[in-house]
Amino acid sequence: IDTQPNSASVELGGKITLTTAASISNGTKAAYQWYSCAGTDKAAASVIEGATSNTLTITPTESGVFYYFCRFSAKTASNVEDLDSDVVCVTVTAAAPSIVIHTQPQNLAVFIGDEAQLTVDASGSDDSSLSYQWYVCSDEDKTDAAVIEDAITNSYIAPTADEGKQLYFCRLSMEGADDADTNVVCVEVTKPYITVDVQPEDLIPDRGSEAALSVGAYTN
């Protein structure tokens, strides 16, 4: 046996590849057959159908400890005895739960008194319930981040009574998972204003004729 397979660990939902290699002294090519078994003593060993190369890729569907070995043979040389690799252990662990943010809150530009609603859409990888907490901060590095009292749902309506800019983000938490923060977003509140871009012009109409004055304007 030139290369023994190695024991390994993998998270549920991932995959792992075991590798081995063998050669025969008379130059005959080695044949491979992988087995699963109940322990290092090869108890209850059973053939893994189709696993006849020097590698075995395992995609586990349940957590636990599983054992494998490979049997080498020389099908074209009857005087060569079969040889087994070491029995290796594959430990499958449940993937750590995580928070996935699907939709980030967006920057908003509103007038004084308008509604400014920030929303995040997220879920837990194991469908556990999420907790939300909105914060106000001074910059995108979350300097001086301060909890906003009672802002504990996936939406927050920012105050718009005064002009100015304010930064916000939401921190999501779930049992067993690392916290996840949304992007820092800006809510800019301004006063509405009118800009006159076309002034009315002086007119000297003839007596009895119509005098039409016009003005052009737009708002922000």
C-alpha atoms as a PDB file:
ATOM      1  CA  ILE A   1       0.000   0.000   0.000  1.00  0.00           C
ATOM      2  CA  ASP A   2       1.566   3.253  -1.136  1.00  0.00           C
ATOM      3  CA  THR A   3      -0.972   5.646   0.430  1.00  0.00           C
ATOM      4  CA  GLN A   4      -3.293   4.914   3.322  1.00  0.00           C
ATOM      5  CA  PRO A   5      -6.621   6.791   3.556  1.00  0.00           C
ATOM      6  CA  ASN A   6      -6.909   9.274   6.432  1.00  0.00           C
ATOM      7  CA  SER A   7      -9.667   9.810   8.952  1.00  0.00           C
ATOM      8  CA  ALA A   8     -11.558  13.066   8.457  1.00  0.00           C
ATOM      9  CA  SER A   9     -14.387  15.243   9.689  1.00  0.00           C
ATOM     10  CA  VAL A  10     -17.113  16.882   7.613  1.00  0.00           C
ATOM     11  CA  GLU A  11     -20.207  18.954   8.290  1.00  0.00           C
ATOM     12  CA  LEU A  12     -23.600  17.609   7.364  1.00  0.00           C
ATOM     13  CA  GLY A  13     -24.400  18.817   3.866  1.00  0.00           C
ATOM     14  CA  GLY A  14     -20.738  18.873   2.836  1.00  0.00           C
ATOM     15  CA  LYS A  15     -18.644  16.148   1.287  1.00  0.00           C
ATOM     16  CA  ILE A  16     -15.306  14.471   1.894  1.00  0.00           C
ATOM     17  CA  THR A  17     -13.058  12.376  -0.363  1.00  0.00           C
ATOM     18  CA  LEU A  18     -10.957   9.488   0.937  1.00  0.00           C
ATOM     19  CA  THR A  19      -7.899   8.600  -1.120  1.00  0.00           C
ATOM     20  CA  THR A  20      -5.659   5.566  -1.180  1.00  0.00           C
ATOM     21  CA  ALA A  21      -3.146   3.977  -3.554  1.00  0.00           C
ATOM     22  CA  ALA A  22      -1.569   0.557  -3.928  1.00  0.00           C
ATOM     23  CA  SER A  23       0.783  -1.196  -6.308  1.00  0.00           C
ATOM     24  CA  ILE A  24       1.699  -4.838  -6.888  1.00  0.00           C
ATOM     25  CA  SER A  25       5.321  -5.917  -6.980  1.00  0.00           C
ATOM     26  CA  ASN A  26       4.971  -7.894 -10.222  1.00  0.00           C
ATOM     27  CA  GLY A  27       3.579  -4.886 -12.048  1.00  0.00           C
ATOM     28  CA  THR A  28      -0.027  -6.099 -12.066  1.00  0.00           C
ATOM     29  CA  LYS A  29      -2.545  -3.300 -11.745  1.00  0.00           C
ATOM     30  CA  ALA A  30      -4.371  -3.212  -8.399  1.00  0.00           C
ATOM     31  CA  ALA A  31      -8.161  -3.269  -8.275  1.00  0.00           C
ATOM     32  CA  TYR A  32     -10.006  -1.273  -5.598  1.00  0.00           C
ATOM     33  CA  GLN A  33     -13.195  -1.939  -3.671  1.00  0.00           C
ATOM     34  CA  TRP A  34     -14.392   0.300  -0.850  1.00  0.00           C
ATOM     35  CA  TYR A  35     -16.366  -1.005   2.115  1.00  0.00           C
ATOM     36  CA  SER A  36     -18.301   0.532   4.976  1.00  0.00           C
ATOM     37  CA  CYS A  37     -18.222  -1.183   8.335  1.00  0.00           C
ATOM     38  CA  ALA A  38     -19.353  -0.864  11.937  1.00  0.00           C
ATOM     39  CA  GLY A  39     -15.946  -0.230  13.523  1.00  0.00           C
ATOM     40  CA  THR A  40     -12.190  -0.576  13.257  1.00  0.00           C
ATOM     41  CA  ASP A  41     -12.476  -4.381  13.409  1.00  0.00           C
ATOM     42  CA  LYS A  42     -14.364  -4.321  10.056  1.00  0.00           C
ATOM     43  CA  ALA A  43     -17.454  -5.776  11.687  1.00  0.00           C
ATOM     44  CA  ALA A  44     -20.472  -5.956   9.398  1.00  0.00           C
ATOM     45  CA  ALA A  45     -18.383  -4.832   6.425  1.00  0.00           C
ATOM     46  CA  SER A  46     -20.472  -4.240   3.320  1.00  0.00           C
ATOM     47  CA  VAL A  47     -19.511  -3.428  -0.250  1.00  0.00           C
ATOM     48  CA  ILE A  48     -20.154   0.130  -1.411  1.00  0.00           C
ATOM     49  CA  GLU A  49     -21.614  -0.343  -4.874  1.00  0.00           C
ATOM     50  CA  GLY A  50     -19.682   1.410  -7.646  1.00  0.00           C
ATOM     51  CA  ALA A  51     -16.811   2.447  -5.334  1.00  0.00           C
ATOM     52  CA  THR A  52     -14.053   0.809  -7.353  1.00  0.00           C
ATOM     53  CA  SER A  53     -11.463   3.558  -7.774  1.00  0.00           C
ATOM     54  CA  ASN A  54      -8.696   4.783  -5.486  1.00  0.00           C
ATOM     55  CA  THR A  55     -10.982   7.538  -4.159  1.00  0.00           C
ATOM     56  CA  LEU A  56     -14.275   7.476  -2.288  1.00  0.00           C
ATOM     57  CA  THR A  57     -16.376  10.638  -2.114  1.00  0.00           C
ATOM     58  CA  ILE A  58     -18.847  10.688   0.752  1.00  0.00           C
ATOM     59  CA  THR A  59     -21.813  13.074   0.939  1.00  0.00           C
ATOM     60  CA  PRO A  60     -23.338  12.330   4.342  1.00  0.00           C
ATOM     61  CA  THR A  61     -27.051  12.631   4.985  1.00  0.00           C
ATOM     62  CA  GLU A  62     -26.909  12.178   8.751  1.00  0.00           C
ATOM     63  CA  SER A  63     -24.533  13.047  11.555  1.00  0.00           C
ATOM     64  CA  GLY A  64     -22.499  10.392  13.354  1.00  0.00           C
ATOM     65  CA  VAL A  65     -19.290   8.376  13.108  1.00  0.00           C
ATOM     66  CA  PHE A  66     -18.783   6.127  10.076  1.00  0.00           C
ATOM     67  CA  TYR A  67     -16.012   3.686   9.155  1.00  0.00           C
ATOM     68  CA  TYR A  68     -14.539   2.785   5.776  1.00  0.00           C
ATOM     69  CA  PHE A  69     -11.689   0.783   4.283  1.00  0.00           C
ATOM     70  CA  CYS A  70     -10.514  -0.214   0.841  1.00  0.00           C
ATOM     71  CA  ARG A  71      -9.678  -3.751  -0.308  1.00  0.00           C
ATOM     72  CA  PHE A  72      -6.982  -4.151  -2.950  1.00  0.00           C
ATOM     73  CA  SER A  73      -6.846  -7.147  -5.225  1.00  0.00           C
ATOM     74  CA  ALA A  74      -5.051  -8.328  -8.339  1.00  0.00           C
ATOM     75  CA  LYS A  75      -7.735  -9.843 -10.511  1.00  0.00           C
ATOM     76  CA  THR A  76      -5.269 -10.976 -13.182  1.00  0.00           C
ATOM     77  CA  ALA A  77      -2.846 -12.617 -10.739  1.00  0.00           C
ATOM     78  CA  SER A  78      -4.376 -15.450  -8.730  1.00  0.00           C
ATOM     79  CA  ASN A  79      -1.289 -15.887  -6.572  1.00  0.00           C
ATOM     80  CA  VAL A  80      -1.583 -12.373  -5.059  1.00  0.00           C
ATOM     81  CA  GLU A  81      -3.582 -12.152  -1.842  1.00  0.00           C
ATOM     82  CA  ASP A  82      -6.084  -9.376  -1.219  1.00  0.00           C
ATOM     83  CA  LEU A  83      -4.930  -6.623   1.096  1.00  0.00           C
ATOM     84  CA  ASP A  84      -6.994  -4.158   3.102  1.00  0.00           C
ATOM     85  CA  SER A  85      -6.197  -0.524   3.857  1.00  0.00           C
ATOM     86  CA  ASP A  86      -6.452   0.871   7.345  1.00  0.00           C
ATOM     87  CA  VAL A  87      -9.989   1.406   8.587  1.00  0.00           C
ATOM     88  CA  VAL A  88     -10.627   5.150   8.728  1.00  0.00           C
ATOM     89  CA  CYS A  89     -13.210   7.110  10.637  1.00  0.00           C
ATOM     90  CA  VAL A  90     -15.351   9.845   9.103  1.00  0.00           C
ATOM     91  CA  THR A  91     -16.996  12.039  11.724  1.00  0.00           C
ATOM     92  CA  VAL A  92     -20.060  13.890  10.460  1.00  0.00           C
ATOM     93  CA  THR A  93     -21.218  16.836  12.540  1.00  0.00           C
ATOM     94  CA  ALA A  94     -24.335  18.940  12.194  1.00  0.00           C
ATOM     95  CA  ALA A  95     -23.562  22.233  10.461  1.00  0.00           C
ATOM     96  CA  ALA A  96     -23.461  25.187  12.829  1.00  0.00           C
ATOM     97  CA  PRO A  97     -26.634  27.271  12.488  1.00  0.00           C
ATOM     98  CA  SER A  98     -26.201  30.597  10.734  1.00  0.00           C
ATOM     99  CA  ILE A  99     -28.198  33.698   9.848  1.00  0.00           C
ATOM    100  CA  VAL A 100     -28.800  34.481   6.188  1.00  0.00           C
ATOM    101  CA  ILE A 101     -29.737  38.058   5.226  1.00  0.00           C
ATOM    102  CA  HIS A 102     -31.814  37.982   2.042  1.00  0.00           C
ATOM    103  CA  THR A 103     -32.669  41.685   1.691  1.00  0.00           C
ATOM    104  CA  GLN A 104     -30.687  44.557   3.193  1.00  0.00           C
ATOM    105  CA  PRO A 105     -32.288  47.824   4.358  1.00  0.00           C
ATOM    106  CA  GLN A 106     -31.866  50.665   1.863  1.00  0.00           C
ATOM    107  CA  ASN A 107     -30.746  54.298   2.082  1.00  0.00           C
ATOM    108  CA  LEU A 108     -33.689  56.707   2.186  1.00  0.00           C
ATOM    109  CA  ALA A 109     -34.127  60.388   1.298  1.00  0.00           C
ATOM    110  CA  VAL A 110     -37.378  61.850   2.618  1.00  0.00           C
ATOM    111  CA  PHE A 111     -38.974  65.174   3.487  1.00  0.00           C
ATOM    112  CA  ILE A 112     -39.687  66.317   7.028  1.00  0.00           C
ATOM    113  CA  GLY A 113     -42.730  64.470   8.327  1.00  0.00           C
ATOM    114  CA  ASP A 114     -42.635  61.717   5.702  1.00  0.00           C
ATOM    115  CA  GLU A 115     -42.406  58.062   6.721  1.00  0.00           C
ATOM    116  CA  ALA A 116     -38.932  56.466   6.604  1.00  0.00           C
ATOM    117  CA  GLN A 117     -39.290  52.721   7.053  1.00  0.00           C
ATOM    118  CA  LEU A 118     -36.196  50.512   7.140  1.00  0.00           C
ATOM    119  CA  THR A 119     -36.689  46.779   6.616  1.00  0.00           C
ATOM    120  CA  VAL A 120     -34.504  43.668   6.635  1.00  0.00           C
ATOM    121  CA  ASP A 121     -35.476  40.207   5.401  1.00  0.00           C
ATOM    122  CA  ALA A 122     -33.535  37.294   6.886  1.00  0.00           C
ATOM    123  CA  SER A 123     -33.859  33.687   8.019  1.00  0.00           C
ATOM    124  CA  GLY A 124     -32.006  31.082  10.055  1.00  0.00           C
ATOM    125  CA  SER A 125     -30.334  28.166   8.307  1.00  0.00           C
ATOM    126  CA  ASP A 126     -32.207  25.735  10.561  1.00  0.00           C
ATOM    127  CA  ASP A 127     -35.488  27.698  10.501  1.00  0.00           C
ATOM    128  CA  SER A 128     -35.016  28.884  14.086  1.00  0.00           C
ATOM    129  CA  SER A 129     -36.652  32.181  15.015  1.00  0.00           C
ATOM    130  CA  LEU A 130     -34.603  35.366  14.770  1.00  0.00           C
ATOM    131  CA  SER A 131     -34.293  38.312  17.143  1.00  0.00           C
ATOM    132  CA  TYR A 132     -33.842  41.869  15.850  1.00  0.00           C
ATOM    133  CA  GLN A 133     -32.333  44.987  17.379  1.00  0.00           C
ATOM    134  CA  TRP A 134     -31.933  48.288  15.530  1.00  0.00           C
ATOM    135  CA  TYR A 135     -29.096  50.678  16.310  1.00  0.00           C
ATOM    136  CA  VAL A 136     -28.197  54.261  15.506  1.00  0.00           C
ATOM    137  CA  CYS A 137     -24.519  55.051  14.899  1.00  0.00           C
ATOM    138  CA  SER A 138     -22.107  57.793  13.858  1.00  0.00           C
ATOM    139  CA  ASP A 139     -20.453  56.212  10.816  1.00  0.00           C
ATOM    140  CA  GLU A 140     -20.227  53.055   8.699  1.00  0.00           C
ATOM    141  CA  ASP A 141     -17.788  51.547  11.215  1.00  0.00           C
ATOM    142  CA  LYS A 142     -20.684  51.626  13.721  1.00  0.00           C
ATOM    143  CA  THR A 143     -18.854  54.062  15.981  1.00  0.00           C
ATOM    144  CA  ASP A 144     -20.860  54.944  19.098  1.00  0.00           C
ATOM    145  CA  ALA A 145     -23.594  52.471  18.111  1.00  0.00           C
ATOM    146  CA  ALA A 146     -26.534  52.878  20.456  1.00  0.00           C
ATOM    147  CA  VAL A 147     -29.545  50.620  20.953  1.00  0.00           C
ATOM    148  CA  ILE A 148     -32.861  52.076  19.796  1.00  0.00           C
ATOM    149  CA  GLU A 149     -35.349  51.205  22.491  1.00  0.00           C
ATOM    150  CA  ASP A 150     -38.238  48.942  21.421  1.00  0.00           C
ATOM    151  CA  ALA A 151     -36.895  48.640  17.839  1.00  0.00           C
ATOM    152  CA  ILE A 152     -36.959  44.840  17.917  1.00  0.00           C
ATOM    153  CA  THR A 153     -38.734  43.747  14.734  1.00  0.00           C
ATOM    154  CA  ASN A 154     -37.487  43.380  11.180  1.00  0.00           C
ATOM    155  CA  SER A 155     -38.759  46.900  10.382  1.00  0.00           C
ATOM    156  CA  TYR A 156     -37.997  50.263  11.945  1.00  0.00           C
ATOM    157  CA  ILE A 157     -39.590  53.646  11.212  1.00  0.00           C
ATOM    158  CA  ALA A 158     -36.918  56.312  11.612  1.00  0.00           C
ATOM    159  CA  PRO A 159     -37.852  59.741  12.989  1.00  0.00           C
ATOM    160  CA  THR A 160     -38.237  62.507  10.401  1.00  0.00           C
ATOM    161  CA  ALA A 161     -39.236  65.530  12.454  1.00  0.00           C
ATOM    162  CA  ASP A 162     -35.946  67.370  11.871  1.00  0.00           C
ATOM    163  CA  GLU A 163     -33.596  67.950   8.967  1.00  0.00           C
ATOM    164  CA  GLY A 164     -30.364  66.000   8.861  1.00  0.00           C
ATOM    165  CA  LYS A 165     -28.720  62.652   8.188  1.00  0.00           C
ATOM    166  CA  GLN A 166     -28.678  59.663  10.511  1.00  0.00           C
ATOM    167  CA  LEU A 167     -27.133  56.193  10.158  1.00  0.00           C
ATOM    168  CA  TYR A 168     -28.807  52.955  11.223  1.00  0.00           C
ATOM    169  CA  PHE A 169     -28.249  49.195  11.162  1.00  0.00           C
ATOM    170  CA  CYS A 170     -29.966  46.107  12.517  1.00  0.00           C
ATOM    171  CA  ARG A 171     -28.312  43.294  14.485  1.00  0.00           C
ATOM    172  CA  LEU A 172     -29.868  39.864  14.072  1.00  0.00           C
ATOM    173  CA  SER A 173     -29.361  37.032  16.531  1.00  0.00           C
ATOM    174  CA  MET A 174     -30.365  33.392  16.808  1.00  0.00           C
ATOM    175  CA  GLU A 175     -29.641  30.722  19.385  1.00  0.00           C
ATOM    176  CA  GLY A 176     -26.438  28.854  18.563  1.00  0.00           C
ATOM    177  CA  ALA A 177     -25.439  31.200  15.725  1.00  0.00           C
ATOM    178  CA  ASP A 178     -23.124  34.183  15.463  1.00  0.00           C
ATOM    179  CA  ASP A 179     -24.862  37.553  15.350  1.00  0.00           C
ATOM    180  CA  ALA A 180     -25.219  39.130  11.908  1.00  0.00           C
ATOM    181  CA  ASP A 181     -25.388  42.864  11.191  1.00  0.00           C
ATOM    182  CA  THR A 182     -27.057  44.469   8.197  1.00  0.00           C
ATOM    183  CA  ASN A 183     -25.352  47.127   6.135  1.00  0.00           C
ATOM    184  CA  VAL A 184     -25.253  50.579   7.700  1.00  0.00           C
ATOM    185  CA  VAL A 185     -27.791  52.784   5.895  1.00  0.00           C
ATOM    186  CA  CYS A 186     -28.455  56.518   5.842  1.00  0.00           C
ATOM    187  CA  VAL A 187     -31.785  58.273   6.298  1.00  0.00           C
ATOM    188  CA  GLU A 188     -31.552  61.860   5.000  1.00  0.00           C
ATOM    189  CA  VAL A 189     -34.352  64.226   5.978  1.00  0.00           C
ATOM    190  CA  THR A 190     -34.755  67.549   4.148  1.00  0.00           C
ATOM    191  CA  LYS A 191     -37.283  70.385   3.926  1.00  0.00           C
ATOM    192  CA  PRO A 192     -39.278  70.593   0.719  1.00  0.00           C
ATOM    193  CA  TYR A 193     -38.598  73.745  -1.269  1.00  0.00           C
ATOM    194  CA  ILE A 194     -39.771  75.417  -4.470  1.00  0.00           C
ATOM    195  CA  THR A 195     -37.397  76.709  -7.129  1.00  0.00           C
ATOM    196  CA  VAL A 196     -38.667  79.271  -9.649  1.00  0.00           C
ATOM    197  CA  ASP A 197     -36.832  78.731 -12.913  1.00  0.00           C
ATOM    198  CA  VAL A 198     -39.000  80.893 -15.178  1.00  0.00           C
ATOM    199  CA  GLN A 199     -39.986  84.361 -13.966  1.00  0.00           C
ATOM    200  CA  PRO A 200     -43.024  86.257 -15.341  1.00  0.00           C
ATOM    201  CA  GLU A 201     -42.099  89.032 -17.761  1.00  0.00           C
ATOM    202  CA  ASP A 202     -43.219  92.673 -17.914  1.00  0.00           C
ATOM    203  CA  LEU A 203     -46.039  93.229 -20.383  1.00  0.00           C
ATOM    204  CA  ILE A 204     -47.481  96.344 -22.029  1.00  0.00           C
ATOM    205  CA  PRO A 205     -50.697  95.061 -23.576  1.00  0.00           C
ATOM    206  CA  ASP A 206     -52.934  97.041 -25.898  1.00  0.00           C
ATOM    207  CA  ARG A 207     -56.063  98.394 -24.368  1.00  0.00           C
ATOM    208  CA  GLY A 208     -58.663  95.664 -24.222  1.00  0.00           C
ATOM    209  CA  SER A 209     -56.241  92.849 -25.150  1.00  0.00           C
ATOM    210  CA  GLU A 210     -55.374  89.873 -22.985  1.00  0.00           C
ATOM    211  CA  ALA A 211     -52.247  89.989 -20.809  1.00  0.00           C
ATOM    212  CA  ALA A 212     -51.059  86.486 -19.904  1.00  0.00           C
ATOM    213  CA  LEU A 213     -48.400  86.110 -17.247  1.00  0.00           C
ATOM    214  CA  SER A 214     -46.667  82.776 -16.647  1.00  0.00           C
ATOM    215  CA  VAL A 215     -44.151  81.331 -14.243  1.00  0.00           C
ATOM    216  CA  GLY A 216     -42.128  78.091 -14.190  1.00  0.00           C
ATOM    217  CA  ALA A 217     -41.238  76.316 -10.974  1.00  0.00           C
ATOM    218  CA  TYR A 218     -40.326  72.916  -9.551  1.00  0.00           C
ATOM    219  CA  THR A 219     -39.931  71.305  -6.145  1.00  0.00           C
ATOM    220  CA  ASN A 220     -37.179  69.090  -4.775  1.00  0.00           C
END
